[in-house]
N, C-alpha and C. Protein backbone atom coordinates (compact mmCIF):
# COMPACT_ATOMS: atom_id res chain seq x y z
N MET A 1 0.83 -1.21 0.01
CA MET A 1 -0.02 0.02 0.03
C MET A 1 0.87 1.25 0.00
N ALA A 2 0.49 2.26 -0.76
CA ALA A 2 1.25 3.45 -0.91
C ALA A 2 1.28 4.25 0.44
N PHE A 3 2.45 4.80 0.78
CA PHE A 3 2.61 5.63 1.93
C PHE A 3 1.81 6.88 1.85
N ASP A 4 1.02 7.16 2.86
CA ASP A 4 0.14 8.36 2.86
C ASP A 4 0.50 9.26 4.06
N PHE A 5 1.03 10.40 3.79
CA PHE A 5 1.44 11.30 4.84
C PHE A 5 0.28 11.65 5.80
N LYS A 6 -0.95 11.81 5.24
CA LYS A 6 -2.10 12.20 6.03
C LYS A 6 -2.43 11.16 7.00
N LYS A 7 -2.22 9.87 6.71
CA LYS A 7 -2.55 8.78 7.63
C LYS A 7 -1.39 8.52 8.59
N GLU A 8 -0.21 8.63 8.13
CA GLU A 8 1.00 8.28 8.90
C GLU A 8 1.30 9.41 9.90
N TYR A 9 0.95 10.64 9.58
CA TYR A 9 1.22 11.78 10.47
C TYR A 9 -0.04 12.54 10.73
N LYS A 10 -1.02 11.85 11.31
CA LYS A 10 -2.33 12.50 11.57
C LYS A 10 -2.20 13.70 12.48
N GLU A 11 -1.20 13.69 13.34
CA GLU A 11 -1.07 14.81 14.30
C GLU A 11 -0.76 16.12 13.59
N PHE A 12 -0.25 16.03 12.39
CA PHE A 12 0.11 17.27 11.62
C PHE A 12 -0.93 17.58 10.52
N TYR A 13 -1.70 16.62 10.08
CA TYR A 13 -2.65 16.84 9.00
C TYR A 13 -4.11 16.78 9.42
N MET A 14 -4.39 16.18 10.57
CA MET A 14 -5.75 16.05 11.01
C MET A 14 -5.96 16.52 12.45
N PRO A 15 -5.63 17.79 12.74
CA PRO A 15 -5.78 18.27 14.11
C PRO A 15 -7.27 18.40 14.46
N LYS A 16 -7.54 18.60 15.72
CA LYS A 16 -8.91 18.75 16.23
C LYS A 16 -9.49 20.11 15.83
N ASN A 17 -10.77 20.29 16.13
CA ASN A 17 -11.44 21.54 15.84
C ASN A 17 -11.18 22.55 16.95
N LYS A 18 -10.16 22.28 17.82
CA LYS A 18 -9.81 23.27 18.83
C LYS A 18 -8.29 23.31 18.84
N PRO A 19 -7.74 24.43 19.36
CA PRO A 19 -6.30 24.63 19.26
C PRO A 19 -5.50 23.54 20.00
N GLU A 20 -4.32 23.23 19.48
CA GLU A 20 -3.41 22.33 20.15
C GLU A 20 -2.00 22.67 19.78
N ILE A 21 -1.06 22.37 20.65
CA ILE A 21 0.35 22.69 20.44
C ILE A 21 1.05 21.39 19.92
N VAL A 22 1.84 21.61 18.90
CA VAL A 22 2.64 20.53 18.32
C VAL A 22 4.08 20.97 18.06
N ASP A 23 4.98 20.03 18.06
CA ASP A 23 6.38 20.27 17.71
C ASP A 23 6.63 19.64 16.35
N VAL A 24 6.74 20.47 15.34
CA VAL A 24 6.79 20.01 13.96
C VAL A 24 8.22 19.80 13.49
N PRO A 25 8.59 18.62 13.05
CA PRO A 25 9.98 18.38 12.65
C PRO A 25 10.23 18.99 11.27
N PRO A 26 11.50 19.12 10.88
CA PRO A 26 11.82 19.66 9.54
C PRO A 26 11.19 18.82 8.41
N ALA A 27 10.81 19.48 7.37
CA ALA A 27 10.21 18.79 6.23
C ALA A 27 10.71 19.47 4.93
N ASN A 28 10.80 18.69 3.87
CA ASN A 28 11.20 19.22 2.58
C ASN A 28 10.00 19.36 1.63
N TYR A 29 10.06 20.37 0.79
CA TYR A 29 8.96 20.67 -0.08
C TYR A 29 9.39 21.04 -1.48
N ILE A 30 8.49 20.84 -2.42
CA ILE A 30 8.57 21.57 -3.71
C ILE A 30 7.93 22.92 -3.43
N ALA A 31 8.57 24.02 -3.84
CA ALA A 31 8.09 25.34 -3.48
C ALA A 31 8.06 26.26 -4.69
N VAL A 32 7.00 27.04 -4.81
CA VAL A 32 6.93 28.08 -5.79
C VAL A 32 6.55 29.38 -5.08
N ARG A 33 7.31 30.43 -5.25
CA ARG A 33 7.04 31.65 -4.54
C ARG A 33 6.35 32.67 -5.47
N GLY A 34 5.56 33.56 -4.83
CA GLY A 34 4.84 34.56 -5.62
C GLY A 34 4.23 35.65 -4.74
N ARG A 35 3.43 36.47 -5.36
CA ARG A 35 2.84 37.62 -4.67
C ARG A 35 1.48 37.93 -5.32
N GLY A 36 0.54 38.30 -4.52
CA GLY A 36 -0.74 38.79 -5.01
C GLY A 36 -1.95 37.94 -4.66
N ASP A 37 -3.10 38.36 -5.17
CA ASP A 37 -4.37 37.69 -4.83
C ASP A 37 -4.38 36.29 -5.39
N PRO A 38 -4.54 35.25 -4.56
CA PRO A 38 -4.59 33.90 -5.07
C PRO A 38 -5.85 33.54 -5.83
N ASN A 39 -6.87 34.39 -5.75
CA ASN A 39 -8.15 34.09 -6.38
C ASN A 39 -8.30 34.53 -7.79
N ILE A 40 -7.28 35.21 -8.38
CA ILE A 40 -7.33 35.70 -9.73
C ILE A 40 -7.32 34.49 -10.73
N PRO A 41 -8.39 34.29 -11.51
CA PRO A 41 -8.36 33.15 -12.44
C PRO A 41 -7.14 33.25 -13.38
N GLY A 42 -6.42 32.14 -13.44
CA GLY A 42 -5.25 32.14 -14.35
C GLY A 42 -4.08 32.94 -13.89
N GLY A 43 -4.18 33.47 -12.62
CA GLY A 43 -3.14 34.32 -12.14
C GLY A 43 -1.91 33.58 -11.65
N GLU A 44 -0.99 34.31 -11.05
CA GLU A 44 0.27 33.77 -10.63
C GLU A 44 0.13 32.60 -9.68
N TYR A 45 -0.81 32.70 -8.73
CA TYR A 45 -0.99 31.61 -7.77
C TYR A 45 -1.53 30.36 -8.42
N GLN A 46 -2.57 30.57 -9.31
CA GLN A 46 -3.09 29.41 -10.03
C GLN A 46 -2.05 28.72 -10.88
N GLN A 47 -1.22 29.48 -11.54
CA GLN A 47 -0.10 28.90 -12.30
C GLN A 47 0.84 28.15 -11.44
N ALA A 48 1.12 28.68 -10.23
CA ALA A 48 2.04 28.01 -9.32
C ALA A 48 1.51 26.64 -8.92
N ILE A 49 0.20 26.54 -8.70
CA ILE A 49 -0.38 25.25 -8.34
C ILE A 49 -0.18 24.27 -9.46
N GLY A 50 -0.40 24.72 -10.69
CA GLY A 50 -0.22 23.77 -11.83
C GLY A 50 1.24 23.28 -11.88
N ILE A 51 2.15 24.17 -11.62
CA ILE A 51 3.59 23.78 -11.66
C ILE A 51 3.87 22.77 -10.56
N LEU A 52 3.38 23.02 -9.35
CA LEU A 52 3.58 22.13 -8.22
C LEU A 52 3.11 20.72 -8.51
N TYR A 53 1.84 20.59 -8.97
CA TYR A 53 1.34 19.25 -9.21
C TYR A 53 2.02 18.55 -10.40
N SER A 54 2.39 19.34 -11.41
CA SER A 54 3.16 18.71 -12.52
C SER A 54 4.46 18.08 -12.03
N VAL A 55 5.18 18.80 -11.21
CA VAL A 55 6.49 18.33 -10.71
C VAL A 55 6.24 17.18 -9.67
N ALA A 56 5.24 17.34 -8.81
CA ALA A 56 4.90 16.34 -7.81
C ALA A 56 4.59 14.97 -8.45
N TYR A 57 3.78 15.01 -9.44
CA TYR A 57 3.38 13.72 -10.06
C TYR A 57 4.48 13.16 -10.96
N THR A 58 5.36 14.02 -11.45
CA THR A 58 6.48 13.49 -12.18
C THR A 58 7.38 12.70 -11.26
N LEU A 59 7.58 13.19 -10.04
CA LEU A 59 8.36 12.48 -9.05
C LEU A 59 7.68 11.20 -8.61
N LYS A 60 6.36 11.28 -8.36
CA LYS A 60 5.61 10.14 -7.91
C LYS A 60 5.72 8.98 -8.92
N MET A 61 5.67 9.31 -10.16
CA MET A 61 5.60 8.24 -11.20
C MET A 61 6.97 7.99 -11.79
N SER A 62 8.04 8.50 -11.15
CA SER A 62 9.41 8.31 -11.69
C SER A 62 9.79 6.84 -11.75
N TYR A 63 9.19 6.02 -10.90
CA TYR A 63 9.60 4.59 -10.91
C TYR A 63 9.16 3.91 -12.19
N LYS A 64 8.29 4.52 -12.97
CA LYS A 64 7.94 3.93 -14.27
C LYS A 64 8.83 4.42 -15.44
N THR A 65 9.84 5.23 -15.08
CA THR A 65 10.77 5.70 -16.12
C THR A 65 12.14 5.11 -15.88
N ASP A 66 13.08 5.53 -16.75
CA ASP A 66 14.44 5.06 -16.64
C ASP A 66 15.20 5.74 -15.48
N TYR A 67 14.60 6.84 -14.94
CA TYR A 67 15.22 7.55 -13.89
C TYR A 67 14.86 6.91 -12.55
N LYS A 68 15.86 6.45 -11.86
CA LYS A 68 15.62 5.79 -10.57
C LYS A 68 16.07 6.65 -9.40
N ILE A 69 15.26 6.75 -8.38
CA ILE A 69 15.58 7.54 -7.15
C ILE A 69 15.94 6.55 -6.06
N ASP A 70 17.12 6.79 -5.46
CA ASP A 70 17.55 5.90 -4.35
C ASP A 70 16.53 5.94 -3.22
N GLY A 71 16.19 4.75 -2.74
CA GLY A 71 15.29 4.71 -1.60
C GLY A 71 13.82 4.92 -1.91
N PHE A 72 13.50 4.98 -3.22
CA PHE A 72 12.09 5.31 -3.56
C PHE A 72 11.10 4.26 -3.05
N PHE A 73 9.95 4.72 -2.56
CA PHE A 73 8.83 3.85 -2.32
C PHE A 73 7.58 4.60 -2.81
N GLN A 74 6.53 3.82 -3.15
CA GLN A 74 5.31 4.44 -3.65
C GLN A 74 4.58 5.16 -2.53
N TYR A 75 4.03 6.33 -2.90
CA TYR A 75 3.39 7.23 -1.92
C TYR A 75 2.27 7.98 -2.59
N VAL A 76 1.41 8.49 -1.69
CA VAL A 76 0.33 9.40 -2.16
C VAL A 76 0.87 10.83 -2.13
N VAL A 77 0.65 11.56 -3.19
CA VAL A 77 1.09 12.96 -3.20
C VAL A 77 0.35 13.69 -2.08
N PRO A 78 1.11 14.36 -1.21
CA PRO A 78 0.47 15.06 -0.05
C PRO A 78 -0.32 16.27 -0.51
N PRO A 79 -1.16 16.82 0.41
CA PRO A 79 -2.01 17.96 0.03
C PRO A 79 -1.22 19.21 -0.23
N LEU A 80 -1.86 20.11 -0.95
CA LEU A 80 -1.29 21.43 -1.18
C LEU A 80 -1.19 22.22 0.11
N GLU A 81 -0.12 22.98 0.25
CA GLU A 81 0.07 23.80 1.50
C GLU A 81 0.51 25.21 1.07
N GLY A 82 0.48 26.14 1.99
CA GLY A 82 0.93 27.49 1.69
C GLY A 82 1.42 28.23 2.91
N PHE A 83 2.48 29.02 2.72
CA PHE A 83 3.00 29.98 3.74
C PHE A 83 2.67 31.34 3.26
N TRP A 84 2.15 32.15 4.18
CA TRP A 84 1.58 33.49 3.74
C TRP A 84 2.09 34.56 4.68
N TRP A 85 2.36 35.79 4.10
CA TRP A 85 2.71 36.97 4.94
C TRP A 85 2.51 38.23 4.12
N ARG A 86 2.65 39.31 4.82
CA ARG A 86 2.60 40.68 4.22
C ARG A 86 3.88 41.41 4.60
N ASP A 87 4.42 42.17 3.74
CA ASP A 87 5.63 42.87 4.02
C ASP A 87 5.44 43.84 5.18
N GLY A 88 6.42 43.83 6.10
CA GLY A 88 6.45 44.79 7.22
C GLY A 88 5.43 44.50 8.26
N SER A 89 4.80 43.27 8.31
CA SER A 89 3.77 43.00 9.26
C SER A 89 3.85 41.58 9.79
N SER A 90 3.74 41.42 11.08
CA SER A 90 3.67 40.07 11.64
C SER A 90 2.27 39.62 11.83
N ALA A 91 1.29 40.53 11.61
CA ALA A 91 -0.11 40.18 11.77
C ALA A 91 -0.63 39.50 10.51
N VAL A 92 -1.62 38.61 10.69
CA VAL A 92 -2.25 38.00 9.53
C VAL A 92 -3.41 38.89 9.10
N ASP A 93 -3.28 39.60 8.01
CA ASP A 93 -4.27 40.55 7.52
C ASP A 93 -4.94 40.03 6.25
N PHE A 94 -6.24 39.76 6.35
CA PHE A 94 -6.97 39.19 5.20
C PHE A 94 -7.71 40.25 4.40
N SER A 95 -7.52 41.54 4.74
CA SER A 95 -8.38 42.56 4.17
C SER A 95 -8.06 42.86 2.75
N ASP A 96 -6.86 42.71 2.30
CA ASP A 96 -6.51 43.02 0.91
C ASP A 96 -5.50 41.94 0.40
N LYS A 97 -6.04 41.00 -0.35
CA LYS A 97 -5.23 39.86 -0.80
C LYS A 97 -4.17 40.27 -1.88
N ASN A 98 -4.32 41.48 -2.40
CA ASN A 98 -3.36 41.87 -3.39
C ASN A 98 -1.91 42.00 -2.84
N PHE A 99 -1.86 42.19 -1.53
CA PHE A 99 -0.59 42.41 -0.86
C PHE A 99 0.00 41.14 -0.25
N PHE A 100 -0.66 39.97 -0.53
CA PHE A 100 -0.13 38.73 -0.03
C PHE A 100 1.23 38.37 -0.65
N ASN A 101 2.13 37.91 0.14
CA ASN A 101 3.29 37.15 -0.35
C ASN A 101 3.01 35.69 0.01
N TRP A 102 3.41 34.78 -0.85
CA TRP A 102 3.11 33.39 -0.51
C TRP A 102 4.23 32.47 -1.09
N ILE A 103 4.33 31.34 -0.43
CA ILE A 103 5.11 30.20 -0.93
C ILE A 103 4.18 29.02 -0.97
N SER A 104 3.82 28.60 -2.16
CA SER A 104 2.92 27.49 -2.34
C SER A 104 3.79 26.21 -2.39
N VAL A 105 3.39 25.17 -1.63
CA VAL A 105 4.27 24.08 -1.50
C VAL A 105 3.52 22.72 -1.49
N ILE A 106 4.27 21.66 -1.84
CA ILE A 106 3.79 20.25 -1.69
C ILE A 106 4.92 19.52 -1.02
N ARG A 107 4.60 18.79 0.05
CA ARG A 107 5.63 18.07 0.79
C ARG A 107 6.31 16.98 -0.09
N LEU A 108 7.57 16.75 0.17
CA LEU A 108 8.33 15.71 -0.45
C LEU A 108 8.66 14.58 0.48
N PRO A 109 8.63 13.36 0.00
CA PRO A 109 9.25 12.24 0.82
C PRO A 109 10.71 12.53 1.11
N ASP A 110 11.23 12.03 2.22
CA ASP A 110 12.57 12.35 2.60
C ASP A 110 13.62 11.78 1.57
N PHE A 111 13.29 10.81 0.80
CA PHE A 111 14.26 10.27 -0.14
C PHE A 111 14.49 11.16 -1.38
N VAL A 112 13.65 12.17 -1.57
CA VAL A 112 13.81 13.04 -2.72
C VAL A 112 14.89 14.10 -2.41
N THR A 113 15.88 14.18 -3.26
CA THR A 113 16.95 15.15 -3.05
C THR A 113 16.78 16.35 -3.99
N GLU A 114 17.60 17.36 -3.83
CA GLU A 114 17.54 18.50 -4.71
C GLU A 114 17.85 18.09 -6.13
N GLU A 115 18.75 17.17 -6.29
CA GLU A 115 19.08 16.68 -7.69
C GLU A 115 17.86 15.97 -8.29
N ASN A 116 17.18 15.16 -7.51
CA ASN A 116 15.96 14.48 -7.98
C ASN A 116 14.92 15.51 -8.43
N LEU A 117 14.73 16.55 -7.58
CA LEU A 117 13.78 17.59 -7.91
C LEU A 117 14.14 18.31 -9.20
N SER A 118 15.40 18.57 -9.37
CA SER A 118 15.87 19.27 -10.58
C SER A 118 15.49 18.42 -11.82
N TRP A 119 15.68 17.12 -11.70
CA TRP A 119 15.30 16.21 -12.82
C TRP A 119 13.78 16.33 -13.09
N ALA A 120 13.00 16.34 -12.02
CA ALA A 120 11.53 16.35 -12.17
C ALA A 120 11.08 17.69 -12.79
N VAL A 121 11.75 18.81 -12.44
CA VAL A 121 11.39 20.06 -13.01
C VAL A 121 11.68 20.09 -14.51
N ARG A 122 12.82 19.57 -14.87
CA ARG A 122 13.12 19.49 -16.34
C ARG A 122 12.18 18.58 -17.05
N THR A 123 11.94 17.42 -16.49
CA THR A 123 11.03 16.43 -17.18
C THR A 123 9.64 16.95 -17.24
N ALA A 124 9.09 17.54 -16.20
CA ALA A 124 7.74 18.06 -16.25
C ALA A 124 7.60 19.19 -17.27
N SER A 125 8.66 20.03 -17.30
CA SER A 125 8.61 21.13 -18.30
C SER A 125 8.52 20.61 -19.73
N GLU A 126 9.27 19.55 -19.99
CA GLU A 126 9.28 19.00 -21.34
C GLU A 126 7.98 18.26 -21.66
N LYS A 127 7.54 17.43 -20.74
CA LYS A 127 6.37 16.56 -20.97
C LYS A 127 5.04 17.37 -20.93
N LYS A 128 4.94 18.32 -20.03
CA LYS A 128 3.72 19.06 -19.86
C LYS A 128 3.67 20.31 -20.70
N ASN A 129 4.82 20.63 -21.32
CA ASN A 129 4.97 21.85 -22.16
C ASN A 129 4.60 23.11 -21.37
N ILE A 130 5.06 23.14 -20.11
CA ILE A 130 4.93 24.36 -19.31
C ILE A 130 6.26 24.59 -18.65
N ASP A 131 6.54 25.85 -18.32
CA ASP A 131 7.80 26.23 -17.63
C ASP A 131 7.64 25.96 -16.16
N CYS A 132 8.35 24.94 -15.67
CA CYS A 132 8.31 24.65 -14.22
C CYS A 132 9.54 25.12 -13.52
N SER A 133 10.31 25.98 -14.10
CA SER A 133 11.60 26.40 -13.53
C SER A 133 11.45 27.23 -12.24
N ARG A 134 10.25 27.66 -11.94
CA ARG A 134 9.99 28.43 -10.70
C ARG A 134 9.99 27.48 -9.49
N ALA A 135 9.85 26.23 -9.70
CA ALA A 135 9.76 25.26 -8.58
C ALA A 135 11.14 25.05 -8.03
N GLY A 136 11.30 25.12 -6.74
CA GLY A 136 12.53 24.88 -6.07
C GLY A 136 12.42 23.95 -4.90
N PHE A 137 13.54 23.62 -4.27
CA PHE A 137 13.62 22.72 -3.10
C PHE A 137 13.65 23.64 -1.88
N LEU A 138 12.74 23.33 -0.91
CA LEU A 138 12.62 24.15 0.28
C LEU A 138 12.58 23.28 1.56
N THR A 139 13.44 23.54 2.53
CA THR A 139 13.37 22.83 3.80
C THR A 139 12.85 23.83 4.87
N VAL A 140 11.80 23.38 5.60
CA VAL A 140 11.24 24.26 6.62
C VAL A 140 11.25 23.53 7.96
N ASP A 141 11.80 24.21 8.98
CA ASP A 141 11.90 23.69 10.30
C ASP A 141 10.95 24.49 11.16
N GLU A 142 9.70 24.10 11.31
CA GLU A 142 8.69 24.92 12.00
C GLU A 142 8.84 24.91 13.52
N GLY A 143 9.22 23.78 14.07
CA GLY A 143 9.40 23.75 15.51
C GLY A 143 8.07 23.82 16.26
N LEU A 144 8.04 24.52 17.35
CA LEU A 144 6.87 24.58 18.19
C LEU A 144 5.78 25.47 17.60
N CYS A 145 4.61 24.93 17.47
CA CYS A 145 3.49 25.65 16.80
C CYS A 145 2.16 25.37 17.49
N VAL A 146 1.19 26.21 17.20
CA VAL A 146 -0.18 25.96 17.58
C VAL A 146 -0.94 25.75 16.27
N GLN A 147 -1.89 24.85 16.24
CA GLN A 147 -2.65 24.59 15.05
C GLN A 147 -4.13 24.28 15.41
N ILE A 148 -4.97 24.35 14.32
CA ILE A 148 -6.38 24.04 14.49
C ILE A 148 -6.89 23.61 13.14
N MET A 149 -7.94 22.84 13.12
CA MET A 149 -8.63 22.50 11.84
C MET A 149 -9.76 23.52 11.66
N HIS A 150 -9.58 24.37 10.66
CA HIS A 150 -10.58 25.39 10.31
C HIS A 150 -11.61 24.83 9.34
N HIS A 151 -12.83 25.03 9.67
CA HIS A 151 -13.92 24.58 8.78
C HIS A 151 -14.62 25.78 8.10
N GLY A 152 -14.72 25.76 6.79
CA GLY A 152 -15.37 26.85 6.09
C GLY A 152 -14.49 27.65 5.19
N PRO A 153 -15.00 28.78 4.67
CA PRO A 153 -14.25 29.58 3.70
C PRO A 153 -12.95 30.14 4.34
N PHE A 154 -11.99 30.48 3.48
CA PHE A 154 -10.76 31.06 3.92
C PHE A 154 -10.95 32.44 4.58
N ASP A 155 -11.98 33.16 4.09
CA ASP A 155 -12.19 34.51 4.70
C ASP A 155 -12.69 34.45 6.08
N ASP A 156 -13.10 33.24 6.57
CA ASP A 156 -13.56 33.11 7.96
C ASP A 156 -12.45 32.67 8.88
N GLU A 157 -11.22 32.56 8.36
CA GLU A 157 -10.09 32.07 9.17
C GLU A 157 -9.84 32.92 10.42
N PRO A 158 -10.03 34.27 10.42
CA PRO A 158 -9.79 35.00 11.58
C PRO A 158 -10.50 34.48 12.89
N LYS A 159 -11.63 33.84 12.65
CA LYS A 159 -12.35 33.25 13.82
C LYS A 159 -11.52 32.15 14.48
N SER A 160 -10.94 31.31 13.59
CA SER A 160 -10.14 30.21 14.12
C SER A 160 -8.80 30.71 14.70
N ILE A 161 -8.27 31.72 14.08
CA ILE A 161 -7.05 32.31 14.59
C ILE A 161 -7.24 32.92 15.97
N ALA A 162 -8.41 33.60 16.15
CA ALA A 162 -8.75 34.16 17.45
C ALA A 162 -8.78 33.09 18.53
N LEU A 163 -9.32 31.94 18.19
CA LEU A 163 -9.35 30.82 19.15
C LEU A 163 -7.90 30.40 19.53
N MET A 164 -7.04 30.33 18.49
CA MET A 164 -5.63 29.95 18.79
C MET A 164 -5.00 30.99 19.66
N GLU A 165 -5.20 32.25 19.42
CA GLU A 165 -4.58 33.30 20.21
C GLU A 165 -5.05 33.26 21.67
N GLU A 166 -6.34 32.99 21.84
CA GLU A 166 -6.89 32.91 23.20
C GLU A 166 -6.25 31.71 23.91
N TYR A 167 -6.16 30.64 23.24
CA TYR A 167 -5.53 29.42 23.82
C TYR A 167 -4.09 29.68 24.24
N LEU A 168 -3.36 30.38 23.39
CA LEU A 168 -1.95 30.65 23.69
C LEU A 168 -1.83 31.54 24.97
N ARG A 169 -2.66 32.53 25.05
CA ARG A 169 -2.65 33.43 26.23
C ARG A 169 -2.92 32.63 27.49
N GLU A 170 -3.89 31.71 27.41
CA GLU A 170 -4.29 30.95 28.62
C GLU A 170 -3.21 29.97 29.03
N ASN A 171 -2.34 29.60 28.10
CA ASN A 171 -1.34 28.54 28.39
C ASN A 171 0.10 29.12 28.42
N GLY A 172 0.25 30.39 28.46
CA GLY A 172 1.59 30.98 28.64
C GLY A 172 2.45 31.02 27.38
N TYR A 173 1.83 31.07 26.17
CA TYR A 173 2.58 31.17 24.94
C TYR A 173 2.13 32.39 24.13
N ALA A 174 2.88 32.74 23.14
CA ALA A 174 2.54 33.82 22.22
C ALA A 174 2.93 33.44 20.79
N ALA A 175 2.22 33.98 19.86
CA ALA A 175 2.57 33.76 18.45
C ALA A 175 3.95 34.30 18.17
N ASP A 176 4.66 33.62 17.27
CA ASP A 176 6.04 34.04 16.94
C ASP A 176 6.23 34.12 15.43
N ILE A 177 5.34 34.83 14.76
CA ILE A 177 5.43 34.98 13.33
C ILE A 177 6.45 36.00 12.98
N THR A 178 7.41 35.57 12.17
CA THR A 178 8.55 36.43 11.77
C THR A 178 8.82 36.23 10.26
N GLU A 179 9.93 36.81 9.81
CA GLU A 179 10.23 36.64 8.41
C GLU A 179 10.57 35.19 8.05
N LYS A 180 10.98 34.41 9.04
CA LYS A 180 11.35 33.00 8.85
C LYS A 180 10.32 32.02 9.35
N ARG A 181 9.44 32.53 10.22
CA ARG A 181 8.38 31.63 10.78
C ARG A 181 7.03 32.20 10.42
N LEU A 182 6.32 31.49 9.53
CA LEU A 182 5.18 32.11 8.85
C LEU A 182 3.81 31.46 9.14
N HIS A 183 2.79 32.16 8.87
CA HIS A 183 1.41 31.63 8.89
C HIS A 183 1.39 30.51 7.85
N HIS A 184 0.90 29.34 8.23
CA HIS A 184 0.97 28.17 7.45
C HIS A 184 -0.45 27.51 7.30
N GLU A 185 -0.80 27.18 6.10
CA GLU A 185 -2.12 26.56 5.84
C GLU A 185 -1.88 25.24 5.05
N ILE A 186 -2.67 24.20 5.39
CA ILE A 186 -2.65 22.95 4.72
C ILE A 186 -4.08 22.69 4.25
N TYR A 187 -4.25 22.52 2.91
CA TYR A 187 -5.55 22.45 2.37
C TYR A 187 -6.05 21.02 2.22
N MET A 188 -6.85 20.60 3.14
CA MET A 188 -7.30 19.21 3.19
C MET A 188 -8.55 18.91 2.28
N SER A 189 -9.07 19.99 1.67
CA SER A 189 -10.20 19.85 0.75
C SER A 189 -9.80 20.35 -0.63
N ASP A 190 -10.42 19.84 -1.69
CA ASP A 190 -10.23 20.30 -3.01
C ASP A 190 -11.22 21.44 -3.26
N ALA A 191 -10.64 22.66 -3.26
CA ALA A 191 -11.50 23.84 -3.34
C ALA A 191 -12.28 23.90 -4.63
N ARG A 192 -11.82 23.17 -5.66
CA ARG A 192 -12.56 23.18 -6.93
C ARG A 192 -13.79 22.32 -6.92
N ARG A 193 -13.88 21.35 -5.99
CA ARG A 193 -14.93 20.41 -5.99
C ARG A 193 -15.82 20.40 -4.70
N VAL A 194 -15.36 20.99 -3.69
CA VAL A 194 -16.05 20.99 -2.40
C VAL A 194 -16.67 22.33 -2.11
N ASP A 195 -17.85 22.31 -1.57
CA ASP A 195 -18.53 23.58 -1.22
C ASP A 195 -17.71 24.33 -0.14
N PRO A 196 -17.50 25.66 -0.30
CA PRO A 196 -16.64 26.38 0.67
C PRO A 196 -17.03 26.20 2.13
N GLN A 197 -18.29 25.99 2.39
CA GLN A 197 -18.77 25.77 3.77
C GLN A 197 -18.18 24.50 4.38
N LYS A 198 -17.75 23.58 3.52
CA LYS A 198 -17.28 22.27 3.94
C LYS A 198 -15.74 22.13 3.83
N TRP A 199 -15.09 23.25 3.43
CA TRP A 199 -13.59 23.20 3.32
C TRP A 199 -13.00 22.91 4.67
N LYS A 200 -11.91 22.12 4.65
CA LYS A 200 -11.11 21.89 5.90
C LYS A 200 -9.67 22.37 5.60
N THR A 201 -9.23 23.26 6.47
CA THR A 201 -7.92 23.83 6.33
C THR A 201 -7.15 23.82 7.65
N VAL A 202 -6.00 23.17 7.69
CA VAL A 202 -5.20 23.22 8.86
C VAL A 202 -4.49 24.60 8.91
N ILE A 203 -4.75 25.32 10.02
CA ILE A 203 -4.04 26.63 10.23
C ILE A 203 -3.01 26.42 11.28
N ARG A 204 -1.75 26.80 11.01
CA ARG A 204 -0.68 26.57 11.96
C ARG A 204 0.18 27.87 12.14
N HIS A 205 0.41 28.25 13.36
CA HIS A 205 1.25 29.38 13.63
C HIS A 205 2.44 29.01 14.50
N PRO A 206 3.61 29.52 14.25
CA PRO A 206 4.74 29.28 15.16
C PRO A 206 4.53 30.02 16.47
N ILE A 207 5.04 29.46 17.53
CA ILE A 207 4.82 30.10 18.82
C ILE A 207 6.09 30.06 19.68
N LYS A 208 6.07 30.79 20.80
CA LYS A 208 7.20 30.81 21.77
C LYS A 208 6.58 31.00 23.11
N LYS A 209 7.35 30.78 24.13
CA LYS A 209 6.88 31.03 25.52
C LYS A 209 6.68 32.56 25.69
N ALA A 210 5.61 32.90 26.34
CA ALA A 210 5.30 34.34 26.54
C ALA A 210 6.32 34.95 27.49
N ASP A 211 6.64 36.20 27.23
CA ASP A 211 7.57 36.92 28.10
C ASP A 211 7.00 37.14 29.53
């Protein structure tokens, strides 16, 4: 049976509907960086998603090609994720999406190296006839975080974030969003096929002990 990150690491992909603290180990990703409103049809963010999945599935199906990856085992492509921020602000501001900076990512199995990813970027570009050169290898060490499963549209996320902030205050912690530690979302629903009221999104914030 194919390895499934969601099932093997439920504590990181299937949190409860209430805040909880987790210590997240380092993980490697395919990453595409960009800026602007993610909802623009055919815009930069939508293009980034196309690139990510093209490269991700090229890696997943590499065992059917002449290119062999050391330590390869069959796996389910993990869900789409994203890191979000605004220049000059540690607050999560949803009021104007045009000023979003984002890194759209898909997690990689540990056996995938930067060299393997470079092969997949070249191969996907040739086979899919799209430029996948924006995709890069990214390692993120999140460490101590608070997370929650948010239900509903993305614009309602402030309600879930408020619950996390209250939980942190009650337990002696504070959010620690910086240039290197970012607001993190994991999209457990396919936004193209699922009603927004039924969307499930993991929201994760880095934290520290309160002063």
